[in-house]
Protein backbone atom coordinates (compact mmCIF):
# COMPACT_ATOMS: atom_id res chain seq x y z
CA MET A 1 82.21 80.70 111.46
CA SER A 2 83.93 83.08 113.73
CA GLN A 3 83.49 86.83 113.62
CA MET A 4 87.17 87.13 112.64
CA LEU A 5 86.53 85.20 109.41
CA LYS A 6 83.39 87.11 108.57
CA SER A 7 84.94 90.57 108.99
CA SER A 8 88.29 89.75 107.59
CA GLY A 9 86.41 87.82 104.81
CA ALA A 10 84.31 90.96 103.91
CA MET A 11 87.56 92.93 103.72
CA ALA A 12 89.25 90.18 101.90
CA ALA A 13 86.63 90.44 99.12
CA ALA A 14 87.16 94.06 98.65
CA THR A 15 90.91 93.65 98.95
CA LEU A 16 90.81 90.85 96.40
CA THR A 17 89.03 93.19 93.94
CA SER A 18 91.69 95.69 94.71
CA ARG A 19 94.58 93.38 94.39
CA VAL A 20 93.25 91.94 91.21
CA LEU A 21 92.85 95.51 89.75
CA GLY A 22 96.38 96.22 91.18
CA MET A 23 97.73 93.24 89.21
CA VAL A 24 95.85 94.44 86.01
CA ARG A 25 97.67 97.79 86.66
CA GLU A 26 100.96 96.06 86.92
CA MET A 27 100.21 94.18 83.73
CA VAL A 28 99.37 97.41 82.00
CA TYR A 29 102.62 98.93 83.42
CA ALA A 30 104.70 96.03 82.25
CA ARG A 31 103.41 96.06 78.76
CA PHE A 32 104.06 99.84 78.63
CA MET A 33 107.47 99.96 79.95
CA GLY A 34 108.84 96.43 80.73
CA THR A 35 111.90 96.29 82.93
CA SER A 36 113.57 99.30 81.18
CA TRP A 37 115.56 102.00 82.98
CA VAL A 38 112.46 104.24 82.58
CA ALA A 39 110.47 101.72 84.61
CA SER A 40 113.21 101.59 87.27
CA ALA A 41 113.14 105.44 87.36
CA PHE A 42 109.41 105.61 87.82
CA ILE A 43 109.34 102.85 90.52
CA LEU A 44 112.23 104.55 92.56
CA ALA A 45 110.60 107.98 92.43
CA PHE A 46 107.24 106.44 93.50
CA GLN A 47 108.96 104.90 96.57
CA VAL A 48 109.83 108.32 98.02
CA PRO A 49 106.29 109.55 98.58
CA ASN A 50 105.42 106.03 99.70
CA LEU A 51 108.09 106.44 102.51
CA PHE A 52 106.07 109.37 103.88
CA ARG A 53 102.76 107.63 103.29
CA ARG A 54 103.79 104.78 105.47
CA LEU A 55 105.41 107.10 107.97
CA LEU A 56 102.36 109.50 108.26
CA GLY A 57 99.43 107.39 107.14
CA GLU A 58 99.21 103.64 106.80
CA GLY A 59 101.92 102.82 109.47
CA ALA A 60 102.76 104.42 112.62
CA LEU A 61 100.04 107.14 112.76
CA THR A 62 97.06 104.82 112.26
CA ALA A 63 98.71 102.15 114.51
CA ALA A 64 98.90 104.74 117.30
CA PHE A 65 95.63 106.56 116.62
CA ILE A 66 93.11 103.59 116.25
CA PRO A 67 93.57 102.23 119.68
CA ILE A 68 93.03 105.79 121.16
CA PHE A 69 90.09 106.28 118.80
CA LYS A 70 88.42 103.01 120.07
CA GLU A 71 89.22 104.01 123.67
CA LYS A 72 87.45 107.34 123.16
CA GLU A 73 84.44 105.59 121.67
CA LYS A 74 84.17 103.18 124.57
CA ARG A 75 84.84 105.56 127.46
CA ASP A 76 83.82 109.04 126.32
CA GLY A 77 81.23 108.53 123.59
CA ASP A 78 80.99 109.49 119.84
CA GLN A 79 81.37 113.32 120.37
CA ALA A 80 84.73 112.97 121.91
CA MET A 81 85.77 110.36 119.46
CA TRP A 82 84.99 112.52 116.45
CA HIS A 83 86.72 115.57 118.05
CA ALA A 84 89.86 113.40 118.50
CA ALA A 85 89.66 112.35 114.93
CA ASN A 86 89.42 116.02 113.69
CA ALA A 87 92.37 116.99 115.89
CA VAL A 88 94.53 114.24 114.40
CA ILE A 89 93.47 114.95 110.79
CA SER A 90 94.12 118.64 111.32
CA GLY A 91 97.65 117.87 112.52
CA LEU A 92 98.19 115.59 109.58
CA LEU A 93 97.13 118.24 107.14
CA VAL A 94 99.55 120.76 108.55
CA PHE A 95 102.57 118.42 108.69
CA ALA A 96 102.02 116.51 105.44
CA SER A 97 101.45 119.84 103.57
CA ALA A 98 104.71 121.19 104.90
CA VAL A 99 106.58 118.00 103.71
CA VAL A 100 105.00 118.42 100.26
CA VAL A 101 105.94 122.13 99.98
CA PHE A 102 109.56 121.75 101.24
CA GLY A 103 109.96 118.50 99.17
CA PHE A 104 108.87 120.30 96.05
CA ILE A 105 111.46 123.16 96.73
CA GLY A 106 114.26 120.68 97.40
CA VAL A 107 113.64 118.46 94.38
CA SER A 108 113.28 121.41 92.13
CA ALA A 109 116.64 122.77 93.28
CA ALA A 110 118.23 119.38 92.71
CA ILE A 111 116.80 119.27 89.19
CA SER A 112 118.07 122.75 88.43
CA TYR A 113 121.51 121.92 89.72
CA GLY A 114 121.69 118.46 88.02
CA ALA A 115 120.60 119.83 84.58
CA GLN A 116 123.47 122.32 84.44
CA MET A 117 126.24 121.36 82.00
CA ASN A 118 129.42 120.00 83.15
CA GLY A 119 131.60 119.88 80.13
CA GLU A 120 129.68 117.94 77.47
CA ALA A 121 127.26 116.33 79.85
CA THR A 122 124.86 117.38 82.57
CA ARG A 123 125.92 116.95 86.17
CA PHE A 124 123.28 114.32 86.70
CA THR A 125 122.61 111.43 84.37
CA GLY A 126 119.50 111.33 82.29
CA LYS A 127 117.94 108.54 84.33
CA THR A 128 118.65 110.51 87.60
CA LEU A 129 117.04 113.61 86.24
CA LEU A 130 113.93 111.61 85.10
CA MET A 131 113.61 109.99 88.57
CA LEU A 132 113.70 113.53 90.18
CA GLN A 133 111.22 115.02 87.70
CA LEU A 134 108.79 112.13 88.21
CA LEU A 135 109.18 112.47 92.02
CA ARG A 136 108.36 116.26 91.92
CA VAL A 137 105.10 115.45 90.05
CA MET A 138 104.08 112.76 92.66
CA LEU A 139 104.83 114.49 95.82
CA PRO A 140 101.23 115.65 96.54
CA TYR A 141 100.31 112.00 96.60
CA LEU A 142 101.71 111.59 100.02
CA LEU A 143 99.22 114.07 101.47
CA LEU A 144 96.16 112.51 99.82
CA VAL A 145 97.01 108.90 100.57
CA CYS A 146 97.77 109.72 104.24
CA LEU A 147 94.19 111.15 104.51
CA ALA A 148 92.84 107.99 102.76
CA ALA A 149 94.78 105.76 105.23
CA VAL A 150 93.44 107.61 108.28
CA PHE A 151 89.91 107.54 106.91
CA MET A 152 90.28 103.81 106.27
CA GLY A 153 91.51 103.11 109.85
CA MET A 154 88.49 105.15 111.21
CA LEU A 155 86.02 103.11 109.29
CA ASN A 156 87.59 99.90 110.30
CA ALA A 157 87.37 100.86 113.91
CA ARG A 158 83.69 101.52 113.43
CA GLY A 159 83.21 98.04 111.95
CA HIS A 160 83.33 98.87 108.27
CA PHE A 161 85.68 96.87 106.16
CA PHE A 162 84.42 96.49 102.65
CA VAL A 163 84.08 100.11 101.52
CA PRO A 164 87.42 101.36 102.79
CA SER A 165 89.21 98.34 101.30
CA PHE A 166 87.45 98.93 98.08
CA GLY A 167 88.83 102.54 97.82
CA ALA A 168 92.13 100.97 96.79
CA ALA A 169 90.33 99.42 93.72
CA MET A 170 89.30 102.95 92.66
CA LEU A 171 92.91 104.05 92.96
CA ASN A 172 93.93 101.35 90.61
CA LEU A 173 91.34 102.12 87.97
CA VAL A 174 92.58 105.68 87.87
CA MET A 175 96.16 104.50 87.44
CA ILE A 176 95.23 102.11 84.71
CA ALA A 177 93.40 104.87 82.88
CA SER A 178 96.41 107.12 83.09
CA VAL A 179 98.43 104.59 81.05
CA LEU A 180 95.66 103.75 78.52
CA TRP A 181 94.20 107.29 77.99
CA LEU A 182 96.67 109.91 79.10
CA ALA A 183 100.08 108.52 78.15
CA PRO A 184 99.49 108.44 74.38
CA LYS A 185 98.69 112.20 74.61
CA LEU A 186 102.12 113.15 76.03
CA GLY A 187 104.43 112.16 73.18
CA THR A 188 105.94 109.23 71.44
CA GLU A 189 109.06 108.55 73.54
CA LEU A 190 108.77 106.47 76.72
CA HIS A 191 110.60 108.85 78.83
CA ASP A 192 107.96 111.55 77.91
CA LYS A 193 104.90 109.32 78.15
CA VAL A 194 105.93 107.98 81.61
CA PHE A 195 104.80 111.33 83.15
CA ALA A 196 101.22 110.25 82.58
CA LEU A 197 101.78 107.52 85.21
CA ALA A 198 102.99 110.24 87.61
CA ILE A 199 99.99 112.41 87.04
CA GLY A 200 97.70 109.30 87.39
CA VAL A 201 99.21 108.53 90.89
CA VAL A 202 98.13 111.92 92.19
CA ALA A 203 94.64 111.73 90.61
CA ALA A 204 94.27 108.30 92.19
CA GLY A 205 95.10 109.69 95.69
CA VAL A 206 92.25 112.16 95.33
CA VAL A 207 89.83 109.48 94.26
CA GLN A 208 90.83 107.05 97.05
CA ALA A 209 90.40 109.65 99.82
CA TRP A 210 87.12 110.98 98.39
CA PHE A 211 85.63 107.57 97.92
CA GLN A 212 85.61 106.91 101.69
CA LEU A 213 83.92 110.15 102.85
CA PRO A 214 80.29 109.19 102.23
CA SER A 215 80.63 106.18 104.63
CA LEU A 216 82.32 108.32 107.20
CA HIS A 217 79.55 110.98 106.83
CA ARG A 218 76.91 108.30 107.43
CA GLU A 219 78.75 107.31 110.72
CA GLY A 220 78.44 110.89 111.89
CA PHE A 221 81.82 112.33 111.03
CA ARG A 222 82.03 115.88 110.11
CA TYR A 223 85.41 117.54 109.56
CA ARG A 224 86.03 120.61 111.78
CA TRP A 225 89.31 122.31 112.17
CA VAL A 226 90.79 121.56 115.57
CA ASN A 227 93.90 123.28 116.65
CA PRO A 228 96.41 120.30 116.87
CA TRP A 229 99.08 122.12 118.77
CA ARG A 230 97.46 121.95 122.24
CA ASP A 231 95.20 119.00 121.75
CA GLU A 232 95.63 116.12 124.27
CA THR A 233 94.80 113.40 121.71
CA VAL A 234 97.34 114.64 119.27
CA ARG A 235 100.04 114.75 122.04
CA ARG A 236 99.19 111.04 122.95
CA VAL A 237 99.22 110.03 119.37
CA VAL A 238 102.58 111.72 118.66
CA THR A 239 103.95 110.10 121.88
CA GLN A 240 102.73 106.69 120.79
CA MET A 241 103.81 106.90 117.25
CA LEU A 242 107.31 108.19 117.66
CA PRO A 243 108.83 104.77 118.29
CA ALA A 244 106.92 103.14 115.66
CA THR A 245 107.68 106.07 113.28
CA LEU A 246 111.41 105.21 113.65
CA GLY A 247 110.68 101.66 112.78
CA VAL A 248 108.48 102.51 109.85
CA ALA A 249 110.88 105.15 108.68
CA ALA A 250 113.76 102.71 108.95
CA TYR A 251 111.93 100.25 106.82
CA GLN A 252 110.95 102.76 104.09
CA ILE A 253 114.43 104.34 104.18
CA ASN A 254 115.84 100.92 103.72
CA VAL A 255 113.60 100.19 100.80
CA VAL A 256 114.76 103.39 99.03
CA LEU A 257 118.35 102.89 99.86
CA VAL A 258 118.35 99.20 98.64
CA ASN A 259 116.47 100.14 95.52
CA GLY A 260 118.73 103.22 95.01
CA LEU A 261 121.72 100.93 95.13
CA ALA A 262 120.06 98.35 92.79
CA TYR A 263 119.26 101.23 90.36
CA TRP A 264 123.05 101.60 89.83
CA VAL A 265 123.78 97.87 89.71
CA ASP A 266 121.83 97.28 86.51
CA ASP A 267 118.87 99.07 84.73
CA TYR A 268 116.45 96.16 85.17
CA VAL A 269 117.06 95.17 88.80
CA VAL A 270 114.64 97.65 90.50
CA ALA A 271 111.72 97.00 88.03
CA SER A 272 112.04 93.22 87.91
CA PHE A 273 112.21 93.07 91.72
CA GLN A 274 109.22 95.38 92.04
CA TYR A 275 107.13 93.07 89.74
CA ALA A 276 107.88 90.26 92.11
CA VAL A 277 106.95 92.33 95.19
CA ARG A 278 103.59 93.18 93.56
CA LEU A 279 102.92 89.50 92.82
CA MET A 280 103.62 88.75 96.59
CA GLU A 281 101.24 91.49 97.60
CA LEU A 282 98.30 89.59 96.06
CA PRO A 283 98.19 86.72 98.61
CA GLN A 284 99.66 88.94 101.31
CA GLY A 285 96.98 91.68 100.84
CA LEU A 286 94.01 89.10 100.34
CA PHE A 287 94.49 87.69 103.75
CA GLY A 288 97.45 89.00 105.57
CA VAL A 289 96.73 92.71 105.39
CA SER A 290 93.00 92.07 105.86
CA MET A 291 93.52 89.98 108.93
CA ALA A 292 95.91 92.58 110.42
CA ALA A 293 93.45 95.40 109.76
CA TYR A 294 90.73 93.43 111.45
CA LEU A 295 92.87 92.39 114.43
CA LEU A 296 94.12 95.97 115.40
CA PRO A 297 90.77 97.38 116.44
CA ALA A 298 89.65 93.88 117.76
CA LEU A 299 92.72 93.37 119.92
CA SER A 300 92.68 97.07 120.94
CA GLY A 301 89.17 96.66 122.28
CA LEU A 302 90.10 93.42 124.23
CA ALA A 303 93.25 95.07 125.57
CA ALA A 304 91.35 98.22 126.76
CA GLU A 305 88.90 95.95 128.60
CA LYS A 306 91.88 93.82 129.96
CA LYS A 307 90.46 90.61 128.53
CA TYR A 308 93.96 88.98 128.01
CA PRO A 309 92.81 85.29 127.63
CA GLU A 310 90.36 86.45 124.66
CA PHE A 311 93.33 88.58 123.47
CA ARG A 312 95.65 85.54 123.18
CA ARG A 313 92.84 83.37 121.64
CA GLU A 314 92.13 85.95 118.96
CA LEU A 315 95.83 86.48 118.07
CA SER A 316 96.51 82.73 118.05
CA GLN A 317 93.51 82.08 115.73
CA GLY A 318 94.60 84.96 113.32
CA VAL A 319 98.16 83.72 113.09
CA SER A 320 96.89 80.12 112.42
CA TYR A 321 94.68 81.29 109.55
CA LEU A 322 97.65 83.31 108.02
CA VAL A 323 100.10 80.30 108.22
CA PHE A 324 97.64 77.86 106.65
CA VAL A 325 96.79 79.97 103.65
CA ASN A 326 100.20 81.58 102.92
CA LEU A 327 102.22 78.36 103.24
CA LEU A 328 100.42 77.08 100.20
CA ALA A 329 100.67 80.48 98.38
CA SER A 330 104.35 80.57 99.16
CA VAL A 331 105.24 77.20 97.59
CA LEU A 332 103.14 77.88 94.58
CA LEU A 333 104.87 81.22 93.97
CA ILE A 334 108.25 79.51 94.27
CA VAL A 335 107.61 76.57 92.08
CA LEU A 336 105.47 78.29 89.44
CA ALA A 337 107.28 81.69 89.44
CA GLU A 338 108.17 81.40 85.73
CA PRO A 339 104.82 80.48 84.26
CA ILE A 340 103.00 82.96 86.64
CA ILE A 341 105.22 85.83 85.45
CA ARG A 342 104.93 84.71 81.84
CA LEU A 343 101.09 84.54 82.00
CA LEU A 344 100.69 87.97 83.70
CA PHE A 345 103.41 90.18 82.16
CA GLU A 346 105.06 88.73 79.02
CA ARG A 347 103.65 91.11 76.41
CA GLY A 348 104.71 94.46 74.84
CA LYS A 349 107.96 95.68 76.17
CA PHE A 350 108.07 92.82 78.75
CA ASP A 351 109.95 90.10 76.86
CA ALA A 352 111.15 86.71 77.65
CA ALA A 353 114.32 88.15 79.32
CA SER A 354 112.11 90.22 81.54
CA THR A 355 110.19 87.10 82.59
CA SER A 356 113.34 85.30 83.59
CA GLN A 357 114.58 88.28 85.60
CA ALA A 358 111.28 88.77 87.49
CA ALA A 359 110.81 84.93 88.09
CA LEU A 360 114.17 84.82 89.78
CA ALA A 361 113.20 87.59 92.24
CA LEU A 362 109.81 85.98 92.90
CA ALA A 363 111.26 82.57 93.66
CA CYS A 364 113.68 84.08 96.14
CA LEU A 365 111.07 86.40 97.76
CA ALA A 366 108.18 83.95 98.04
CA PRO A 367 109.72 81.77 100.86
CA GLY A 368 109.13 84.71 103.19
CA LEU A 369 105.40 85.26 102.37
CA ALA A 370 104.01 83.61 105.50
CA LEU A 371 106.69 85.43 107.57
CA PHE A 372 105.87 88.95 106.11
CA SER A 373 102.20 88.52 107.02
CA THR A 374 102.94 87.16 110.56
CA VAL A 375 105.24 90.13 111.21
CA ASN A 376 102.50 92.44 110.34
CA VAL A 377 99.97 90.72 112.68
CA LEU A 378 102.29 90.36 115.57
CA ALA A 379 103.30 94.13 115.37
CA ARG A 380 99.44 94.97 115.63
CA ALA A 381 99.34 92.91 118.81
CA PHE A 382 102.07 95.15 120.29
CA TYR A 383 100.37 98.26 119.18
CA ALA A 384 97.01 97.10 120.61
CA LEU A 385 98.79 96.66 123.95
CA GLY A 386 100.15 100.27 123.74
CA ASP A 387 103.62 99.06 123.06
CA THR A 388 105.20 100.57 119.91
CA ARG A 389 108.93 100.45 121.13
CA THR A 390 109.43 96.72 121.03
CA PRO A 391 108.41 96.11 117.33
CA MET A 392 110.24 99.25 116.44
CA ARG A 393 113.49 98.12 118.01
CA ILE A 394 113.32 94.57 116.50
CA GLY A 395 112.25 96.07 113.12
CA VAL A 396 115.19 98.49 112.97
CA PHE A 397 117.57 95.70 113.92
CA CYS A 398 116.22 93.48 111.24
CA LEU A 399 116.24 96.30 108.54
CA VAL A 400 119.90 97.17 109.23
CA LEU A 401 120.63 93.46 108.75
CA ASN A 402 118.47 93.40 105.61
CA LEU A 403 120.44 96.34 104.13
CA LEU A 404 123.71 94.69 104.85
CA LEU A 405 122.66 91.48 103.41
CA SER A 406 121.19 93.19 100.24
CA CYS A 407 124.47 95.15 99.72
CA ALA A 408 126.40 91.87 99.96
CA LEU A 409 124.14 89.88 97.70
CA VAL A 410 122.83 92.27 95.12
CA TRP A 411 126.07 92.60 93.15
CA ARG A 412 126.20 88.82 92.45
CA TYR A 413 122.68 87.66 92.53
CA LYS A 414 121.04 90.98 91.46
CA GLN A 415 117.19 90.89 92.11
CA GLY A 416 117.45 87.42 93.53
CA GLY A 417 119.83 88.72 96.25
CA LEU A 418 117.24 91.28 97.32
CA GLY A 419 114.67 88.52 97.67
CA ILE A 420 116.99 86.20 99.70
CA ALA A 421 117.86 89.09 102.05
CA ASN A 422 114.09 89.99 102.61
CA SER A 423 113.15 86.39 103.28
CA CYS A 424 115.94 85.73 105.85
CA THR A 425 115.37 88.98 107.83
CA SER A 426 111.57 88.36 107.93
CA ALA A 427 112.21 85.00 109.46
CA LEU A 428 114.42 86.63 112.13
CA ASN A 429 111.86 89.45 112.70
CA ALA A 430 108.98 87.09 113.25
CA GLY A 431 110.94 84.86 115.60
CA LEU A 432 112.05 87.91 117.67
CA LEU A 433 108.56 89.31 117.82
CA ILE A 434 107.17 85.94 118.98
CA TYR A 435 109.78 85.78 121.69
CA ALA A 436 109.09 89.32 122.95
CA LEU A 437 105.38 88.91 122.87
CA ARG A 438 105.52 85.64 124.86
CA ARG A 439 107.59 87.43 127.51
CA LYS A 440 105.03 90.25 127.57
CA LEU A 441 101.91 88.02 127.80
CA THR A 442 103.56 84.98 129.61
CA ASN A 443 101.75 82.63 127.28
CA LEU A 444 100.70 83.11 123.59
CA ASP A 445 98.32 80.02 123.51
CA MET A 446 99.95 78.90 120.20
CA GLN A 447 99.85 75.17 121.07
CA PRO A 448 97.33 74.37 118.45
CA LEU A 449 99.45 75.85 115.71
CA ARG A 450 102.65 74.14 117.00
CA THR A 451 100.87 70.87 116.99
CA ALA A 452 99.63 71.28 113.46
CA MET A 453 102.86 72.56 112.01
CA PRO A 454 104.51 69.08 111.16
CA ALA A 455 101.30 68.21 109.11
CA LEU A 456 101.28 71.69 107.49
CA LEU A 457 104.91 71.47 106.48
CA LEU A 458 104.49 67.89 105.01
CA ALA A 459 101.35 69.24 103.11
CA THR A 460 103.48 72.22 101.77
CA VAL A 461 106.29 69.98 100.50
CA ALA A 462 103.87 67.70 98.82
CA ALA A 463 102.03 70.51 97.19
CA GLY A 464 105.31 71.90 95.90
CA ALA A 465 106.32 68.54 94.49
CA LEU A 466 102.88 68.14 92.83
CA ALA A 467 103.04 71.64 91.35
CA TRP A 468 106.41 71.16 89.97
CA TRP A 469 105.74 67.78 88.35
CA SER A 470 102.40 68.70 86.85
CA TRP A 471 104.04 71.96 85.49
CA ARG A 472 106.89 69.99 83.89
CA VAL A 473 104.38 67.48 82.32
CA TRP A 474 102.31 70.38 80.95
CA GLU A 475 105.29 72.08 79.39
CA SER A 476 106.46 68.87 77.73
CA LYS A 477 103.08 67.93 76.25
CA PHE A 478 101.55 71.38 75.51
CA GLY A 479 104.04 74.18 76.07
CA HIS A 480 102.87 77.80 76.44
CA GLY A 481 102.27 79.01 72.85
CA ASN A 482 98.95 80.85 73.42
CA ILE A 483 97.04 82.45 76.28
CA LEU A 484 95.00 79.14 76.99
CA LEU A 485 98.18 77.13 77.34
CA LYS A 486 99.65 79.80 79.59
CA LEU A 487 96.60 79.72 81.84
CA GLY A 488 96.81 75.93 81.96
CA ALA A 489 100.48 75.96 82.82
CA VAL A 490 99.58 77.97 85.95
CA PHE A 491 96.12 76.77 87.02
CA ALA A 492 96.41 73.02 86.37
CA PRO A 493 99.39 72.59 88.68
CA ALA A 494 98.09 75.11 91.26
CA ILE A 495 94.63 73.30 91.51
CA LEU A 496 96.35 69.95 91.80
CA ALA A 497 98.74 71.15 94.45
CA GLY A 498 95.90 72.91 96.35
CA LEU A 499 93.77 69.84 96.45
CA GLY A 500 96.78 67.77 97.73
CA TYR A 501 97.58 70.47 100.39
CA TRP A 502 93.97 70.52 101.56
CA LEU A 503 93.62 66.81 101.61
CA ILE A 504 96.68 66.22 103.64
CA ALA A 505 95.78 68.94 106.14
CA THR A 506 92.20 67.67 106.56
CA LEU A 507 93.31 63.99 106.92
CA ALA A 508 95.82 65.14 109.64
CA LYS A 509 92.89 66.95 111.37
CA VAL A 510 94.44 70.43 111.24
CA PRO A 511 91.87 72.61 113.11
CA VAL A 512 92.10 75.60 110.75
CA ALA A 513 91.73 73.45 107.76
CA LYS A 514 88.50 72.00 109.28
CA GLU A 515 87.14 75.40 110.13
CA LEU A 516 87.92 76.98 106.79
CA SER A 517 86.34 73.93 104.96
CA SER A 518 83.34 74.24 107.06
CA ALA A 519 82.99 77.91 106.40
CA VAL A 520 83.30 77.35 102.65
CA PHE A 521 80.82 74.48 102.67
CA LYS A 522 78.22 76.61 104.57
CA LYS A 523 78.58 79.43 102.14
CA LEU A 524 78.12 77.11 99.12
CA THR A 525 75.04 75.50 100.75
CA ARG A 526 73.49 78.92 101.56
CA ALA A 527 74.17 80.00 97.87
CA ARG A 528 72.35 76.98 96.61
CA ARG A 529 69.40 77.51 98.82
CA GLY A 530 69.32 81.18 97.83
């Protein structure tokens, strides 16, 4: 079994725990507020600190810093590496704190203005005021989660994948507790109790950052203030991250604008689309994000040593794994969207109408699953080569197109239109990145994947047909009247489809199917002997 599978597998185990807890959190959220306007207000407010989190933490900053961090380790030793880390963290603290302070002042002024009476009504509607009030509470989260993201990147670069990925599980536990324990103490109306979720977000940011510090401490990290204004590493990181920052900012601004538009189309659109996105994040995070996080330091090391044949081989192998796993996940999410949503969310304030709304969004979003993950990995390949401009330019172009498509489709198809726009632009994004990377490296060594694609597509279609047929049979014979029947309506078709997919891929001698099967078999054999 390759080192890539071992390392990304360790991260995938922790990520799976986190994603499962994240799904439990979404189930708790769904029961608590369904697809109501209060749910949409909370989701839209949460996306604003997420914009800066992606901008400063998980996206452009870590993508620019980790290759430099690895370079310092290999060329200058641990002391220079930790000094560089302290300089970057100091700069992050200054900038993110300034964003929080000025954001708080600006949002408070907007609330004060919007709450003033204009005739018989306030200048802003009730749902706009609620969204702004929730945003004000959650602003400190962006500083905390930026720190957590940088800590995670540092640990990944030092070869630690399980603990930093598990930090997100702690975040989800705190968010769940905020609904179950704190919300009942804040009143009886939903628009009052929802502030417990905003408080939980901030507390969760504290826990996620703190959880990673012991592992960093064991590696030798000690935080010391380093003046960032004149530091050479900070200047390099800022120079590297500016193009990627524009791309990340464009993406997050696009998310906020699209959801802001959807917020006014109908009360339920933002919430129902967000539940579909969360379901997409389970398979994407389990393997796609884990693989991308493993590949960035691995590819950065190979690029620093100019081992380009190994670079191509590592990238090709990673993309092959992603495509194999996510094609199956994608077709299952499309075909079984309704029973999956019903099983996970349909309780409390999340009723049958909410299920239909979220299932439509999921069925339209799921075709892009393999493409979303591939884009993430291909972008990391550019970052490892020190090129942040190319994925930024392609990303901005695709995001503008996504915004235009969303605006055109959301009025008629609501949340389904948002899903279609995302899937279409992700396909274009992946294609353009592959074209640009091939020009940069001359050859991507993707021949094994190209050879296997007809068999994989056949396996995907067969798996989809099996899943649809077995679900319809289950519904006609058993229905979904209780939790056991709901479980069966999802897992019976999924298992049958998965076996069919694996069998066709194995008979067609798809290399990645053989390698993954061998890895699972060895693990089971070792477990029996142990």
